[in-house]
Amino acid sequence: MKHHGGVDQAVYAYAREDLDTWEAELARTLPNGVFGENLTTLGLDVNGALIGERWRIGRDVVLEVSCARIPCSTFQGWLEQEGWVKRFTKAARPGAYLRVIEPGEISAGDLVEVVHRPGHEVTVELVFRAMTSEPHLLPRLLAADALPQGERRRALRRVNAQTPEE
């Protein structure tokens, strides 16, 4: 599907700590994977990860943070929660999509080690906020070379649309 999967969205990571926060807010159990994530982390600030940041998992796997998850009606349907997309967007805890740099096998409990952090300040949360509710942040996204081309084009289009003609 156009907005799901592909090279830049090969893996979706969500923090167990954020799932725990949602558990408390929704008053229901949320097991690992309930948001569709194939990687549930513990002790890693997924939303604070930088676009282009690389994670080594286990011996062989290297993943690169590419973009934030933008919620859709399918996601709302999974949770059967009225107003979920709006609530998830307001919380700005989207989780991260990652691309595979070095493939391999991982197992539950494998250590996630940050092995590269790029020299900018474009986090997953910043991308999410810019693309959803705070378009004034869009120009900041352009500092992240690893931002997927589609996201970069969308940000440029929206920035140019906001810029008054001279």
C-alpha atoms as a PDB file:
ATOM      1  CA  MET A   1       0.000   0.000   0.000  1.00  0.00           C
ATOM      2  CA  LYS A   2       1.147   3.539  -0.705  1.00  0.00           C
ATOM      3  CA  HIS A   3       1.570   4.629   2.930  1.00  0.00           C
ATOM      4  CA  HIS A   4       2.499   1.282   4.486  1.00  0.00           C
ATOM      5  CA  GLY A   5       5.723  -0.686   4.189  1.00  0.00           C
ATOM      6  CA  GLY A   6       8.511  -0.316   1.679  1.00  0.00           C
ATOM      7  CA  VAL A   7      12.216   0.220   2.176  1.00  0.00           C
ATOM      8  CA  ASP A   8      11.791   3.244   4.466  1.00  0.00           C
ATOM      9  CA  GLN A   9       9.131   1.532   6.589  1.00  0.00           C
ATOM     10  CA  ALA A  10      10.553  -1.986   6.794  1.00  0.00           C
ATOM     11  CA  VAL A  11      10.404  -2.103  10.605  1.00  0.00           C
ATOM     12  CA  TYR A  12       8.146  -0.264  13.027  1.00  0.00           C
ATOM     13  CA  ALA A  13       9.475   0.251  16.565  1.00  0.00           C
ATOM     14  CA  TYR A  14       7.457   1.339  19.576  1.00  0.00           C
ATOM     15  CA  ALA A  15       8.671   1.793  23.148  1.00  0.00           C
ATOM     16  CA  ARG A  16       7.276  -0.461  25.874  1.00  0.00           C
ATOM     17  CA  GLU A  17       7.296   2.582  28.152  1.00  0.00           C
ATOM     18  CA  ASP A  18       4.870   4.361  25.773  1.00  0.00           C
ATOM     19  CA  LEU A  19       2.669   1.270  25.596  1.00  0.00           C
ATOM     20  CA  ASP A  20       2.589   1.275  29.415  1.00  0.00           C
ATOM     21  CA  THR A  21       1.468   4.923  29.399  1.00  0.00           C
ATOM     22  CA  TRP A  22      -1.315   4.064  26.946  1.00  0.00           C
ATOM     23  CA  GLU A  23      -2.294   1.059  29.076  1.00  0.00           C
ATOM     24  CA  ALA A  24      -2.863   3.358  32.027  1.00  0.00           C
ATOM     25  CA  GLU A  25      -4.757   5.933  29.953  1.00  0.00           C
ATOM     26  CA  LEU A  26      -6.947   3.372  28.187  1.00  0.00           C
ATOM     27  CA  ALA A  27      -7.370   1.137  31.259  1.00  0.00           C
ATOM     28  CA  ARG A  28      -6.649  -2.010  29.271  1.00  0.00           C
ATOM     29  CA  THR A  29      -3.757  -4.380  28.661  1.00  0.00           C
ATOM     30  CA  LEU A  30      -1.653  -3.608  25.600  1.00  0.00           C
ATOM     31  CA  PRO A  31       0.688  -6.475  24.724  1.00  0.00           C
ATOM     32  CA  ASN A  32       3.846  -5.984  22.683  1.00  0.00           C
ATOM     33  CA  GLY A  33       2.937  -5.670  19.014  1.00  0.00           C
ATOM     34  CA  VAL A  34      -0.583  -4.318  19.578  1.00  0.00           C
ATOM     35  CA  PHE A  35       0.195  -1.126  17.626  1.00  0.00           C
ATOM     36  CA  GLY A  36       1.468  -3.205  14.716  1.00  0.00           C
ATOM     37  CA  GLU A  37       5.082  -2.782  15.731  1.00  0.00           C
ATOM     38  CA  ASN A  38       7.477  -5.577  14.925  1.00  0.00           C
ATOM     39  CA  LEU A  39       9.986  -4.252  17.427  1.00  0.00           C
ATOM     40  CA  THR A  40       8.984  -3.298  20.977  1.00  0.00           C
ATOM     41  CA  THR A  41      11.894  -1.643  22.764  1.00  0.00           C
ATOM     42  CA  LEU A  42      12.661  -1.141  26.426  1.00  0.00           C
ATOM     43  CA  GLY A  43      14.959   1.575  27.731  1.00  0.00           C
ATOM     44  CA  LEU A  44      15.310   3.336  24.360  1.00  0.00           C
ATOM     45  CA  ASP A  45      13.782   6.739  23.592  1.00  0.00           C
ATOM     46  CA  VAL A  46      12.235   5.819  20.245  1.00  0.00           C
ATOM     47  CA  ASN A  47      10.486   9.179  19.783  1.00  0.00           C
ATOM     48  CA  GLY A  48      13.685  11.037  20.650  1.00  0.00           C
ATOM     49  CA  ALA A  49      15.688   9.067  18.081  1.00  0.00           C
ATOM     50  CA  LEU A  50      17.224  11.153  15.315  1.00  0.00           C
ATOM     51  CA  ILE A  51      16.334  10.603  11.680  1.00  0.00           C
ATOM     52  CA  GLY A  52      19.341   8.704  10.306  1.00  0.00           C
ATOM     53  CA  GLU A  53      20.285   7.273  13.712  1.00  0.00           C
ATOM     54  CA  ARG A  54      21.478   3.682  13.418  1.00  0.00           C
ATOM     55  CA  TRP A  55      20.739   0.846  15.831  1.00  0.00           C
ATOM     56  CA  ARG A  56      22.573  -2.458  16.062  1.00  0.00           C
ATOM     57  CA  ILE A  57      20.364  -5.258  17.336  1.00  0.00           C
ATOM     58  CA  GLY A  58      21.994  -8.540  18.257  1.00  0.00           C
ATOM     59  CA  ARG A  59      25.153  -9.442  16.356  1.00  0.00           C
ATOM     60  CA  ASP A  60      24.270  -8.623  12.791  1.00  0.00           C
ATOM     61  CA  VAL A  61      21.245  -6.395  12.304  1.00  0.00           C
ATOM     62  CA  VAL A  62      21.656  -2.652  11.711  1.00  0.00           C
ATOM     63  CA  LEU A  63      18.542  -0.499  11.289  1.00  0.00           C
ATOM     64  CA  GLU A  64      18.295   3.205  10.468  1.00  0.00           C
ATOM     65  CA  VAL A  65      15.558   5.484  11.802  1.00  0.00           C
ATOM     66  CA  SER A  66      13.748   6.935   8.790  1.00  0.00           C
ATOM     67  CA  CYS A  67      10.488   8.604   9.841  1.00  0.00           C
ATOM     68  CA  ALA A  68       7.579   8.770  12.251  1.00  0.00           C
ATOM     69  CA  ARG A  69       4.403   6.745  12.028  1.00  0.00           C
ATOM     70  CA  ILE A  70       1.402   8.831  11.029  1.00  0.00           C
ATOM     71  CA  PRO A  71      -1.813   7.204  12.356  1.00  0.00           C
ATOM     72  CA  CYS A  72      -4.639   6.191  10.057  1.00  0.00           C
ATOM     73  CA  SER A  73      -8.162   4.821  10.317  1.00  0.00           C
ATOM     74  CA  THR A  74      -6.858   1.233  10.072  1.00  0.00           C
ATOM     75  CA  PHE A  75      -4.862   1.827  13.261  1.00  0.00           C
ATOM     76  CA  GLN A  76      -7.993   3.226  14.923  1.00  0.00           C
ATOM     77  CA  GLY A  77      -9.884   0.103  13.834  1.00  0.00           C
ATOM     78  CA  TRP A  78      -7.331  -2.216  15.469  1.00  0.00           C
ATOM     79  CA  LEU A  79      -7.784  -0.527  18.813  1.00  0.00           C
ATOM     80  CA  GLU A  80     -11.546  -0.068  18.497  1.00  0.00           C
ATOM     81  CA  GLN A  81     -11.114   3.270  20.238  1.00  0.00           C
ATOM     82  CA  GLU A  82     -13.329   6.192  19.177  1.00  0.00           C
ATOM     83  CA  GLY A  83     -11.254   9.282  18.333  1.00  0.00           C
ATOM     84  CA  TRP A  84      -8.003   7.292  18.484  1.00  0.00           C
ATOM     85  CA  VAL A  85      -6.220   9.034  15.596  1.00  0.00           C
ATOM     86  CA  LYS A  86      -6.788  12.465  17.155  1.00  0.00           C
ATOM     87  CA  ARG A  87      -5.771  11.234  20.620  1.00  0.00           C
ATOM     88  CA  PHE A  88      -2.620   9.495  19.324  1.00  0.00           C
ATOM     89  CA  THR A  89      -1.676  12.599  17.325  1.00  0.00           C
ATOM     90  CA  LYS A  90      -2.128  14.914  20.300  1.00  0.00           C
ATOM     91  CA  ALA A  91       0.125  12.689  22.465  1.00  0.00           C
ATOM     92  CA  ALA A  92       2.949  12.857  19.866  1.00  0.00           C
ATOM     93  CA  ARG A  93       4.370   9.427  20.801  1.00  0.00           C
ATOM     94  CA  PRO A  94       4.325   7.932  17.292  1.00  0.00           C
ATOM     95  CA  GLY A  95       7.105   5.369  17.331  1.00  0.00           C
ATOM     96  CA  ALA A  96       9.636   5.099  14.525  1.00  0.00           C
ATOM     97  CA  TYR A  97       9.872   3.469  11.146  1.00  0.00           C
ATOM     98  CA  LEU A  98      13.279   2.083  10.271  1.00  0.00           C
ATOM     99  CA  ARG A  99      15.020   0.881   7.131  1.00  0.00           C
ATOM    100  CA  VAL A 100      17.252  -2.200   7.132  1.00  0.00           C
ATOM    101  CA  ILE A 101      20.937  -1.430   6.582  1.00  0.00           C
ATOM    102  CA  GLU A 102      22.340  -4.851   7.537  1.00  0.00           C
ATOM    103  CA  PRO A 103      19.876  -7.772   7.588  1.00  0.00           C
ATOM    104  CA  GLY A 104      20.014 -10.714   9.944  1.00  0.00           C
ATOM    105  CA  GLU A 105      18.127 -12.392  12.737  1.00  0.00           C
ATOM    106  CA  ILE A 106      17.090 -10.874  16.037  1.00  0.00           C
ATOM    107  CA  SER A 107      15.516 -12.419  19.107  1.00  0.00           C
ATOM    108  CA  ALA A 108      13.468 -11.152  22.013  1.00  0.00           C
ATOM    109  CA  GLY A 109      15.801  -9.698  24.609  1.00  0.00           C
ATOM    110  CA  ASP A 110      18.550  -8.695  22.150  1.00  0.00           C
ATOM    111  CA  LEU A 111      20.329  -5.492  23.116  1.00  0.00           C
ATOM    112  CA  VAL A 112      19.627  -2.410  20.981  1.00  0.00           C
ATOM    113  CA  GLU A 113      22.763  -0.302  20.706  1.00  0.00           C
ATOM    114  CA  VAL A 114      22.811   3.150  19.097  1.00  0.00           C
ATOM    115  CA  VAL A 115      25.885   2.999  16.838  1.00  0.00           C
ATOM    116  CA  HIS A 116      25.475   6.285  14.939  1.00  0.00           C
ATOM    117  CA  ARG A 117      23.800   9.616  15.669  1.00  0.00           C
ATOM    118  CA  PRO A 118      23.761  12.212  12.885  1.00  0.00           C
ATOM    119  CA  GLY A 119      24.740  15.818  13.502  1.00  0.00           C
ATOM    120  CA  HIS A 120      21.284  17.407  13.441  1.00  0.00           C
ATOM    121  CA  GLU A 121      18.368  17.684  15.856  1.00  0.00           C
ATOM    122  CA  VAL A 122      15.542  16.199  13.776  1.00  0.00           C
ATOM    123  CA  THR A 123      13.867  13.619  15.996  1.00  0.00           C
ATOM    124  CA  VAL A 124      11.029  11.226  15.248  1.00  0.00           C
ATOM    125  CA  GLU A 125       8.777  13.340  17.459  1.00  0.00           C
ATOM    126  CA  LEU A 126       9.737  16.546  15.613  1.00  0.00           C
ATOM    127  CA  VAL A 127       8.925  14.945  12.242  1.00  0.00           C
ATOM    128  CA  PHE A 128       5.584  13.767  13.606  1.00  0.00           C
ATOM    129  CA  ARG A 129       4.632  17.151  15.042  1.00  0.00           C
ATOM    130  CA  ALA A 130       5.715  18.971  11.858  1.00  0.00           C
ATOM    131  CA  MET A 131       3.773  16.633   9.580  1.00  0.00           C
ATOM    132  CA  THR A 132       0.606  16.584  11.674  1.00  0.00           C
ATOM    133  CA  SER A 133      -0.166  19.532  13.931  1.00  0.00           C
ATOM    134  CA  GLU A 134       2.727  22.018  13.841  1.00  0.00           C
ATOM    135  CA  PRO A 135       3.558  22.853  10.212  1.00  0.00           C
ATOM    136  CA  HIS A 136       5.725  25.804  11.264  1.00  0.00           C
ATOM    137  CA  LEU A 137       8.329  23.131  12.182  1.00  0.00           C
ATOM    138  CA  LEU A 138       8.545  21.779   8.609  1.00  0.00           C
ATOM    139  CA  PRO A 139      11.647  23.761   7.561  1.00  0.00           C
ATOM    140  CA  ARG A 140      13.631  22.079  10.361  1.00  0.00           C
ATOM    141  CA  LEU A 141      13.040  18.643   8.815  1.00  0.00           C
ATOM    142  CA  LEU A 142      15.203  19.479   5.813  1.00  0.00           C
ATOM    143  CA  ALA A 143      18.356  19.152   7.956  1.00  0.00           C
ATOM    144  CA  ALA A 144      17.845  15.365   8.042  1.00  0.00           C
ATOM    145  CA  ASP A 145      19.394  13.855   4.904  1.00  0.00           C
ATOM    146  CA  ALA A 146      18.048  10.397   5.834  1.00  0.00           C
ATOM    147  CA  LEU A 147      14.425  11.580   5.759  1.00  0.00           C
ATOM    148  CA  PRO A 148      12.653   9.525   3.048  1.00  0.00           C
ATOM    149  CA  GLN A 149      12.392  11.368  -0.275  1.00  0.00           C
ATOM    150  CA  GLY A 150       8.591  11.332  -0.198  1.00  0.00           C
ATOM    151  CA  GLU A 151       8.568  12.965   3.236  1.00  0.00           C
ATOM    152  CA  ARG A 152      11.201  15.492   2.122  1.00  0.00           C
ATOM    153  CA  ARG A 153       9.162  16.418  -0.996  1.00  0.00           C
ATOM    154  CA  ARG A 154       5.983  16.722   1.092  1.00  0.00           C
ATOM    155  CA  ALA A 155       7.764  18.982   3.600  1.00  0.00           C
ATOM    156  CA  LEU A 156       9.247  21.157   0.819  1.00  0.00           C
ATOM    157  CA  ARG A 157       5.863  21.482  -0.890  1.00  0.00           C
ATOM    158  CA  ARG A 158       4.215  22.526   2.351  1.00  0.00           C
ATOM    159  CA  VAL A 159       7.042  24.936   3.267  1.00  0.00           C
ATOM    160  CA  ASN A 160       6.842  26.545  -0.185  1.00  0.00           C
ATOM    161  CA  ALA A 161       3.060  26.818   0.124  1.00  0.00           C
ATOM    162  CA  GLN A 162       3.497  28.674   3.431  1.00  0.00           C
ATOM    163  CA  THR A 163       6.122  31.088   2.082  1.00  0.00           C
ATOM    164  CA  PRO A 164       4.585  34.341   0.827  1.00  0.00           C
ATOM    165  CA  GLU A 165       5.452  35.373  -2.754  1.00  0.00           C
ATOM    166  CA  GLU A 166       8.086  38.097  -3.001  1.00  0.00           C
END
